[in-house]
């Protein structure tokens, strides 16, 4: 059995990190929406949470696009 290619290992690490970021972002966003609704947070805090979640998803999208481009090359 041969050792895995270091480039493939790095790509797998990036993909795993992107998946974890997507999952944690979604769970954090959902949790913040529920807690904010129950506690009556001001809408500006909901907007702040939405923007933070959007930033996490954009980051994951960029990383996923980079992985896709690497695999096609």
C-alpha atoms as a PDB file:
ATOM      1  CA  UNK A   1       0.000   0.000   0.000  1.00  0.00           C
ATOM      2  CA  UNK A   2       1.406   3.385  -0.951  1.00  0.00           C
ATOM      3  CA  UNK A   3       1.424   6.470   1.204  1.00  0.00           C
ATOM      4  CA  UNK A   4      -1.156   9.106   0.305  1.00  0.00           C
ATOM      5  CA  UNK A   5      -0.025  12.069  -1.732  1.00  0.00           C
ATOM      6  CA  UNK A   6       0.622  15.135   0.480  1.00  0.00           C
ATOM      7  CA  UNK A   7      -1.364  17.322  -1.925  1.00  0.00           C
ATOM      8  CA  UNK A   8      -4.370  15.031  -1.624  1.00  0.00           C
ATOM      9  CA  UNK A   9      -4.052  15.076   2.160  1.00  0.00           C
ATOM     10  CA  UNK A  10      -3.973  18.886   2.155  1.00  0.00           C
ATOM     11  CA  UNK A  11      -7.028  19.010  -0.106  1.00  0.00           C
ATOM     12  CA  UNK A  12      -8.881  16.571   2.142  1.00  0.00           C
ATOM     13  CA  UNK A  13      -7.986  18.696   5.182  1.00  0.00           C
ATOM     14  CA  UNK A  14      -9.309  21.831   3.473  1.00  0.00           C
ATOM     15  CA  UNK A  15     -12.525  20.059   2.469  1.00  0.00           C
ATOM     16  CA  UNK A  16     -13.025  18.761   6.005  1.00  0.00           C
ATOM     17  CA  UNK A  17     -12.474  22.236   7.427  1.00  0.00           C
ATOM     18  CA  UNK A  18     -14.955  23.754   4.962  1.00  0.00           C
ATOM     19  CA  UNK A  19     -17.549  21.142   5.906  1.00  0.00           C
ATOM     20  CA  UNK A  20     -17.038  21.752   9.613  1.00  0.00           C
ATOM     21  CA  UNK A  21     -17.323  25.514   9.133  1.00  0.00           C
ATOM     22  CA  UNK A  22     -20.563  25.085   7.173  1.00  0.00           C
ATOM     23  CA  UNK A  23     -22.084  22.803   9.813  1.00  0.00           C
ATOM     24  CA  UNK A  24     -21.024  24.950  12.775  1.00  0.00           C
ATOM     25  CA  UNK A  25     -22.176  28.126  11.022  1.00  0.00           C
ATOM     26  CA  UNK A  26     -25.614  26.674  10.322  1.00  0.00           C
ATOM     27  CA  UNK A  27     -26.043  25.306  13.850  1.00  0.00           C
ATOM     28  CA  UNK A  28     -24.805  28.551  15.392  1.00  0.00           C
ATOM     29  CA  UNK A  29     -27.110  30.623  13.218  1.00  0.00           C
ATOM     30  CA  UNK A  30     -30.128  28.466  14.015  1.00  0.00           C
ATOM     31  CA  UNK A  31     -29.297  28.507  17.716  1.00  0.00           C
ATOM     32  CA  UNK A  32     -28.867  32.268  17.759  1.00  0.00           C
ATOM     33  CA  UNK A  33     -32.191  32.729  15.962  1.00  0.00           C
ATOM     34  CA  UNK A  34     -34.001  30.576  18.518  1.00  0.00           C
ATOM     35  CA  UNK A  35     -32.302  32.171  21.525  1.00  0.00           C
ATOM     36  CA  UNK A  36     -32.748  35.659  20.123  1.00  0.00           C
ATOM     37  CA  UNK A  37     -36.438  35.060  19.500  1.00  0.00           C
ATOM     38  CA  UNK A  38     -36.995  33.667  22.986  1.00  0.00           C
ATOM     39  CA  UNK A  39     -35.070  36.440  24.717  1.00  0.00           C
ATOM     40  CA  UNK A  40     -36.470  39.252  22.584  1.00  0.00           C
ATOM     41  CA  UNK A  41     -33.175  40.505  21.197  1.00  0.00           C
ATOM     42  CA  UNK A  42     -33.296  43.661  19.105  1.00  0.00           C
ATOM     43  CA  UNK A  43     -33.419  43.161  15.312  1.00  0.00           C
ATOM     44  CA  UNK A  44     -29.953  44.677  14.947  1.00  0.00           C
ATOM     45  CA  UNK A  45     -28.499  41.693  16.836  1.00  0.00           C
ATOM     46  CA  UNK A  46     -30.341  39.319  14.512  1.00  0.00           C
ATOM     47  CA  UNK A  47     -28.840  41.201  11.580  1.00  0.00           C
ATOM     48  CA  UNK A  48     -25.392  40.893  13.139  1.00  0.00           C
ATOM     49  CA  UNK A  49     -25.842  37.131  13.528  1.00  0.00           C
ATOM     50  CA  UNK A  50     -27.091  36.900   9.928  1.00  0.00           C
ATOM     51  CA  UNK A  51     -24.049  38.777   8.645  1.00  0.00           C
ATOM     52  CA  UNK A  52     -21.682  36.574  10.648  1.00  0.00           C
ATOM     53  CA  UNK A  53     -23.362  33.460   9.237  1.00  0.00           C
ATOM     54  CA  UNK A  54     -23.167  34.899   5.741  1.00  0.00           C
ATOM     55  CA  UNK A  55     -19.446  35.520   6.202  1.00  0.00           C
ATOM     56  CA  UNK A  56     -18.935  31.915   7.307  1.00  0.00           C
ATOM     57  CA  UNK A  57     -20.832  30.577   4.304  1.00  0.00           C
ATOM     58  CA  UNK A  58     -18.983  32.833   1.857  1.00  0.00           C
ATOM     59  CA  UNK A  59     -15.659  31.686   3.302  1.00  0.00           C
ATOM     60  CA  UNK A  60     -16.701  28.033   2.936  1.00  0.00           C
ATOM     61  CA  UNK A  61     -17.863  28.698  -0.638  1.00  0.00           C
ATOM     62  CA  UNK A  62     -14.511  30.262  -1.544  1.00  0.00           C
ATOM     63  CA  UNK A  63     -12.598  27.336  -0.027  1.00  0.00           C
ATOM     64  CA  UNK A  64     -14.836  24.840  -1.812  1.00  0.00           C
ATOM     65  CA  UNK A  65     -14.307  26.665  -5.115  1.00  0.00           C
ATOM     66  CA  UNK A  66     -10.534  26.576  -4.586  1.00  0.00           C
ATOM     67  CA  UNK A  67     -10.693  22.834  -3.909  1.00  0.00           C
ATOM     68  CA  UNK A  68     -12.758  22.300  -7.046  1.00  0.00           C
ATOM     69  CA  UNK A  69     -10.255  24.288  -9.123  1.00  0.00           C
ATOM     70  CA  UNK A  70      -7.312  22.336  -7.679  1.00  0.00           C
ATOM     71  CA  UNK A  71      -8.921  19.002  -8.497  1.00  0.00           C
ATOM     72  CA  UNK A  72      -9.643  20.050 -12.091  1.00  0.00           C
ATOM     73  CA  UNK A  73      -6.031  21.136 -12.687  1.00  0.00           C
END
